[in-house]
Amino acid sequence: MKKVSFAEFGGPEVLQLIDAEEPQAGPGQIRIAVRAAGVNPVDWRIREGQVLGAHPIELPSGVGLDAAGVVDEVGEDVEGIAVGDHVFGEGASTYAEFAVLSAWARMPEGLSFEEAAGYPSVVETALRILREVGVRSGQTLLVSGAAGGVGSAVLQIARDRGITVIGTAGAANQDYLRSLGALATTYDKGWVERVRQLGRVDAALDLAGSGVIRELVELTGDPQKVISIADLAAPELGVRFSGAAGSVPAALAEAADLISRGKLHIPIEKSYTLAEAAAAHIASRTGHTRGRRVLVI
């Protein structure tokens, strides 16, 4: 099978499309014929060697955590799923023609493989950080870098929970944020004052790692009311960095429910082939995403 791999840490040029043996599903796992794989910032952070504490790997290594596809092998002790079922979920080395998943859910009706591959990690992350920041119905949440995959999920889940969201993003994404129910403003000069004019901020999320932790603490009045998933230096200012996944099966089940109820939709900004994985990483690293990037197999 074809698989994207890297033998050393470094830039996107270390990614190679190689021939590899097909993986086998172990106990509690399934194998899928991958139809699409999600591209996440953590993928290039792992490739660069940034997050070895949270994601220890041995080189050479495959790439990718998220995928959607057709079940073609079911491991021992797995019930309720069969060969031929369409699923989306999380596993390892998903930038490949076949991948093993350790957490999955059936794809909701009407969802394409391409769309489904964009949900697993971002929805798990969105649900986790909303829980960790402790924002409740009737309160206001500020989301810095709100137009990407996690931001898109946060805005819609928060709206479903009765939380008001103020989102910052580039000028081109203002209407997109408003379409997801957020109060929107740009993140250029004067953004802190513009946020104040939009309302009192009870909690804040840093999704972009753009050096705004001090301002988020200032706006909330408490570093414990701020969570970052993108600024590794956040703890130096008393802000929690959230990197460890919670219950992925529970998150996938909630994602499927939200999608089925029409409460969650994350658009695909661009699709790539396996051979274009490096280009996908370059684009992901620049930010300014509206929705998700995926590889289509």
Protein backbone atom coordinates (compact mmCIF):
# COMPACT_ATOMS: atom_id res chain seq x y z
CA MET A 1 0.00 0.00 0.00
CA LYS A 2 0.98 3.65 -0.33
CA LYS A 3 1.74 5.55 2.87
CA VAL A 4 3.19 8.93 3.84
CA SER A 5 6.18 8.55 6.15
CA PHE A 6 9.16 10.47 7.52
CA ALA A 7 12.52 9.14 8.74
CA GLU A 8 13.76 12.31 10.48
CA PHE A 9 12.23 15.33 12.16
CA GLY A 10 12.14 18.45 10.06
CA GLY A 11 10.21 20.51 7.54
CA PRO A 12 7.63 19.28 5.06
CA GLU A 13 10.42 18.08 2.76
CA VAL A 14 11.02 15.08 5.07
CA LEU A 15 7.64 13.59 4.09
CA GLN A 16 7.87 10.75 1.60
CA LEU A 17 5.25 8.64 -0.15
CA ILE A 18 6.45 5.05 0.25
CA ASP A 19 5.32 1.47 -0.29
CA ALA A 20 4.57 -0.20 3.04
CA GLU A 21 3.00 -3.34 4.43
CA GLU A 22 -0.67 -3.12 5.30
CA PRO A 23 -1.28 -2.78 9.07
CA GLN A 24 -3.35 -5.37 10.94
CA ALA A 25 -6.14 -4.68 13.40
CA GLY A 26 -5.28 -5.78 16.92
CA PRO A 27 -7.67 -6.43 19.82
CA GLY A 28 -10.12 -3.57 20.23
CA GLN A 29 -9.20 -2.10 16.85
CA ILE A 30 -10.52 -2.01 13.31
CA ARG A 31 -8.77 -1.51 9.99
CA ILE A 32 -10.25 0.66 7.28
CA ALA A 33 -9.62 1.22 3.62
CA VAL A 34 -8.99 4.93 3.97
CA ARG A 35 -11.06 7.18 1.74
CA ALA A 36 -9.94 10.46 3.30
CA ALA A 37 -7.59 11.58 6.10
CA GLY A 38 -7.83 14.78 8.12
CA VAL A 39 -4.89 17.20 8.20
CA ASN A 40 -4.36 18.66 11.67
CA PRO A 41 -1.77 21.09 13.09
CA VAL A 42 -0.65 18.35 15.46
CA ASP A 43 0.44 16.34 12.39
CA TRP A 44 3.13 18.86 11.44
CA ARG A 45 3.99 19.50 15.09
CA ILE A 46 4.75 15.78 15.42
CA ARG A 47 6.73 15.84 12.16
CA GLU A 48 8.80 18.73 13.50
CA GLY A 49 9.41 16.95 16.83
CA GLN A 50 7.58 19.61 18.86
CA VAL A 51 5.23 17.43 20.92
CA LEU A 52 7.16 14.27 21.69
CA GLY A 53 5.99 14.35 25.31
CA ALA A 54 2.35 13.99 24.29
CA HIS A 55 3.00 11.99 21.11
CA PRO A 56 6.13 9.84 21.49
CA ILE A 57 7.06 8.13 18.22
CA GLU A 58 9.74 5.94 16.74
CA LEU A 59 11.33 6.83 13.41
CA PRO A 60 10.58 6.14 10.65
CA SER A 61 6.98 7.06 11.36
CA GLY A 62 3.73 7.39 9.53
CA VAL A 63 1.63 10.55 9.70
CA GLY A 64 -1.95 11.35 10.58
CA LEU A 65 -4.52 10.68 13.30
CA ASP A 66 -7.93 11.17 11.64
CA ALA A 67 -9.58 9.22 8.84
CA ALA A 68 -12.83 8.07 7.32
CA GLY A 69 -13.28 4.95 5.28
CA VAL A 70 -14.70 1.46 4.87
CA VAL A 71 -14.13 -1.21 7.51
CA ASP A 72 -12.23 -4.15 6.03
CA GLU A 73 -10.89 -5.91 9.15
CA VAL A 74 -12.31 -6.19 12.68
CA GLY A 75 -10.05 -7.03 15.62
CA GLU A 76 -10.80 -9.28 18.57
CA ASP A 77 -13.25 -8.05 21.21
CA VAL A 78 -14.83 -5.54 18.81
CA GLU A 79 -18.62 -5.61 18.66
CA GLY A 80 -21.26 -3.62 16.84
CA ILE A 81 -19.23 -3.00 13.69
CA ALA A 82 -18.76 -5.13 10.58
CA VAL A 83 -16.72 -5.30 7.40
CA GLY A 84 -18.21 -2.88 4.89
CA ASP A 85 -19.43 -0.32 7.43
CA HIS A 86 -18.60 3.33 6.81
CA VAL A 87 -16.85 4.92 9.80
CA PHE A 88 -14.81 7.92 10.87
CA GLY A 89 -12.40 8.04 13.76
CA GLU A 90 -8.90 8.28 15.16
CA GLY A 91 -5.92 5.98 14.83
CA ALA A 92 -2.34 6.12 13.65
CA SER A 93 -0.59 6.65 10.31
CA THR A 94 -3.84 7.58 8.60
CA TYR A 95 -2.11 9.22 5.61
CA ALA A 96 -2.24 5.85 3.89
CA GLU A 97 -4.40 3.54 1.82
CA PHE A 98 -5.14 1.41 4.90
CA ALA A 99 -5.07 2.44 8.57
CA VAL A 100 -5.92 1.00 11.97
CA LEU A 101 -8.39 2.95 14.11
CA SER A 102 -8.60 2.72 17.90
CA ALA A 103 -11.73 4.89 18.19
CA TRP A 104 -14.54 5.26 15.67
CA ALA A 105 -18.21 5.92 15.03
CA ARG A 106 -20.53 5.18 12.15
CA MET A 107 -20.70 8.02 9.65
CA PRO A 108 -23.97 9.99 9.83
CA GLU A 109 -26.28 9.74 6.85
CA GLY A 110 -25.47 12.18 4.05
CA LEU A 111 -21.88 12.81 5.15
CA SER A 112 -19.15 12.23 2.57
CA PHE A 113 -15.87 10.51 3.47
CA GLU A 114 -14.08 13.77 2.73
CA GLU A 115 -16.26 15.69 5.18
CA ALA A 116 -16.19 12.95 7.82
CA ALA A 117 -12.38 12.85 7.91
CA GLY A 118 -12.38 16.46 9.03
CA TYR A 119 -14.25 15.91 12.28
CA PRO A 120 -12.58 13.50 14.77
CA SER A 121 -9.69 15.42 16.34
CA VAL A 122 -11.22 18.86 16.00
CA VAL A 123 -14.50 17.87 17.67
CA GLU A 124 -12.71 16.01 20.47
CA THR A 125 -10.53 19.08 21.01
CA ALA A 126 -13.49 21.48 20.91
CA LEU A 127 -15.49 19.45 23.42
CA ARG A 128 -12.46 19.05 25.70
CA ILE A 129 -11.46 22.72 25.83
CA LEU A 130 -15.07 23.87 26.31
CA ARG A 131 -15.23 21.52 29.29
CA GLU A 132 -11.85 22.60 30.67
CA VAL A 133 -12.51 26.33 30.38
CA GLY A 134 -15.79 25.87 32.25
CA VAL A 135 -17.96 28.23 30.22
CA ARG A 136 -21.70 27.83 30.75
CA SER A 137 -25.00 28.71 29.12
CA GLY A 138 -25.64 32.45 29.34
CA GLN A 139 -21.94 33.33 29.50
CA THR A 140 -19.69 34.80 26.79
CA LEU A 141 -16.68 33.00 25.33
CA LEU A 142 -13.92 34.69 23.33
CA VAL A 143 -12.28 32.51 20.68
CA SER A 144 -9.00 33.76 19.20
CA GLY A 145 -8.41 32.24 15.78
CA ALA A 146 -12.00 31.11 15.36
CA ALA A 147 -12.25 30.26 11.66
CA GLY A 148 -10.25 27.01 11.57
CA GLY A 149 -11.49 23.49 12.20
CA VAL A 150 -11.48 23.60 16.01
CA GLY A 151 -12.89 27.11 16.02
CA SER A 152 -15.67 26.13 13.63
CA ALA A 153 -16.61 23.28 15.97
CA VAL A 154 -16.34 25.40 19.13
CA LEU A 155 -18.60 28.12 17.73
CA GLN A 156 -21.34 25.70 16.74
CA ILE A 157 -21.19 23.55 19.89
CA ALA A 158 -21.20 26.66 22.08
CA ARG A 159 -24.21 28.07 20.22
CA ASP A 160 -26.04 24.77 20.74
CA ARG A 161 -25.31 25.10 24.48
CA GLY A 162 -26.59 28.67 24.78
CA ILE A 163 -23.15 30.28 25.05
CA THR A 164 -22.48 33.63 23.34
CA VAL A 165 -19.25 33.58 21.32
CA ILE A 166 -17.03 36.44 20.22
CA GLY A 167 -14.65 35.21 17.51
CA THR A 168 -11.53 36.82 16.05
CA ALA A 169 -10.30 35.99 12.55
CA GLY A 170 -8.97 37.66 9.43
CA ALA A 171 -11.05 40.15 7.49
CA ALA A 172 -11.95 37.56 4.85
CA ASN A 173 -13.55 35.28 7.48
CA GLN A 174 -15.82 37.76 9.28
CA ASP A 175 -18.97 36.71 7.45
CA TYR A 176 -18.05 33.06 7.96
CA LEU A 177 -17.87 33.54 11.74
CA ARG A 178 -21.20 35.36 11.72
CA SER A 179 -22.75 32.49 9.74
CA LEU A 180 -21.80 30.21 12.64
CA GLY A 181 -23.55 32.47 15.13
CA ALA A 182 -20.56 34.38 16.48
CA LEU A 183 -20.01 38.06 17.11
CA ALA A 184 -17.01 38.68 14.88
CA THR A 185 -14.07 41.04 14.80
CA THR A 186 -10.62 41.08 13.19
CA TYR A 187 -7.43 40.46 15.16
CA ASP A 188 -5.49 43.47 13.88
CA LYS A 189 -4.66 46.68 15.76
CA GLY A 190 -7.28 47.67 18.31
CA TRP A 191 -8.88 44.23 18.57
CA VAL A 192 -8.91 44.17 22.39
CA GLU A 193 -10.99 47.34 22.56
CA ARG A 194 -13.31 46.07 19.84
CA VAL A 195 -13.87 42.88 21.85
CA ARG A 196 -14.70 44.95 24.94
CA GLN A 197 -17.29 46.83 22.93
CA LEU A 198 -18.92 43.53 21.95
CA GLY A 199 -19.39 42.38 25.55
CA ARG A 200 -17.94 41.16 28.81
CA VAL A 201 -15.72 38.08 28.37
CA ASP A 202 -16.20 35.23 30.85
CA ALA A 203 -13.68 32.81 29.33
CA ALA A 204 -11.31 32.64 26.35
CA LEU A 205 -9.70 30.10 24.05
CA ASP A 206 -6.45 30.57 22.12
CA LEU A 207 -6.62 28.41 19.01
CA ALA A 208 -4.03 30.15 16.83
CA GLY A 209 -0.95 30.63 19.03
CA SER A 210 -0.55 34.19 17.74
CA GLY A 211 0.92 35.66 20.92
CA VAL A 212 -2.29 36.96 22.49
CA ILE A 213 -2.23 35.17 25.85
CA ARG A 214 -1.60 38.35 27.88
CA GLU A 215 -4.54 40.09 26.19
CA LEU A 216 -6.85 37.10 26.79
CA VAL A 217 -5.92 37.10 30.48
CA GLU A 218 -6.54 40.84 30.59
CA LEU A 219 -9.97 40.46 29.01
CA THR A 220 -11.10 37.62 31.29
CA GLY A 221 -9.34 38.91 34.41
CA ASP A 222 -8.12 35.44 35.34
CA PRO A 223 -5.52 33.15 33.70
CA GLN A 224 -7.56 30.16 34.88
CA LYS A 225 -10.34 31.27 32.53
CA VAL A 226 -8.08 30.93 29.49
CA ILE A 227 -7.09 27.74 27.62
CA SER A 228 -4.59 27.46 24.76
CA ILE A 229 -4.11 24.62 22.32
CA ALA A 230 -1.50 26.41 20.22
CA ASP A 231 0.91 28.42 22.41
CA LEU A 232 3.40 26.14 24.15
CA ALA A 233 4.56 29.09 26.27
CA ALA A 234 1.07 29.71 27.71
CA PRO A 235 1.87 28.05 31.09
CA GLU A 236 4.54 30.71 31.68
CA LEU A 237 1.64 33.18 32.04
CA GLY A 238 -0.44 30.86 34.22
CA VAL A 239 -2.62 29.66 31.34
CA ARG A 240 -3.31 25.98 30.80
CA PHE A 241 -2.11 24.33 27.61
CA SER A 242 -4.53 21.58 26.64
CA GLY A 243 -2.95 18.80 24.64
CA ALA A 244 -4.01 15.44 26.08
CA ALA A 245 -7.09 13.93 24.45
CA GLY A 246 -10.11 12.98 26.49
CA SER A 247 -12.56 10.21 25.59
CA VAL A 248 -12.39 10.02 21.81
CA PRO A 249 -15.25 7.46 21.44
CA ALA A 250 -17.55 9.73 23.47
CA ALA A 251 -16.52 12.74 21.39
CA LEU A 252 -17.17 10.88 18.14
CA ALA A 253 -20.60 9.81 19.37
CA GLU A 254 -21.43 13.42 20.28
CA ALA A 255 -20.10 14.62 16.92
CA ALA A 256 -22.32 12.13 15.07
CA ASP A 257 -25.33 13.32 17.10
CA LEU A 258 -24.61 17.01 16.43
CA ILE A 259 -24.12 16.37 12.71
CA SER A 260 -27.29 14.28 12.48
CA ARG A 261 -29.28 17.05 14.21
CA GLY A 262 -27.93 19.67 11.82
CA LYS A 263 -26.10 21.47 14.62
CA LEU A 264 -22.56 20.95 13.32
CA HIS A 265 -21.06 21.34 9.88
CA ILE A 266 -17.37 21.94 9.19
CA PRO A 267 -16.62 22.81 5.56
CA ILE A 268 -13.65 21.46 3.62
CA GLU A 269 -11.40 24.32 2.54
CA LYS A 270 -9.17 22.20 0.30
CA SER A 271 -8.49 18.57 -0.59
CA TYR A 272 -5.11 17.07 -1.46
CA THR A 273 -3.78 13.71 -2.65
CA LEU A 274 -1.39 11.58 -0.60
CA ALA A 275 1.46 12.80 -2.81
CA GLU A 276 0.54 16.37 -1.83
CA ALA A 277 0.85 15.82 1.93
CA ALA A 278 3.78 18.24 2.19
CA ALA A 279 1.76 20.98 0.48
CA ALA A 280 -1.11 20.32 2.89
CA HIS A 281 1.26 20.73 5.85
CA ILE A 282 2.68 23.96 4.46
CA ALA A 283 -0.83 25.36 4.04
CA SER A 284 -1.91 24.19 7.50
CA ARG A 285 1.10 25.79 9.14
CA THR A 286 0.30 29.21 7.68
CA GLY A 287 -3.08 29.24 9.44
CA HIS A 288 -5.88 31.38 7.96
CA THR A 289 -7.94 28.23 7.40
CA ARG A 290 -11.70 28.30 6.98
CA GLY A 291 -12.79 24.83 8.05
CA ARG A 292 -10.65 21.78 7.27
CA ARG A 293 -7.99 20.41 4.95
CA VAL A 294 -8.06 16.71 4.05
CA LEU A 295 -6.19 14.17 1.96
CA VAL A 296 -8.35 12.14 -0.38
CA ILE A 297 -7.28 8.58 -1.19
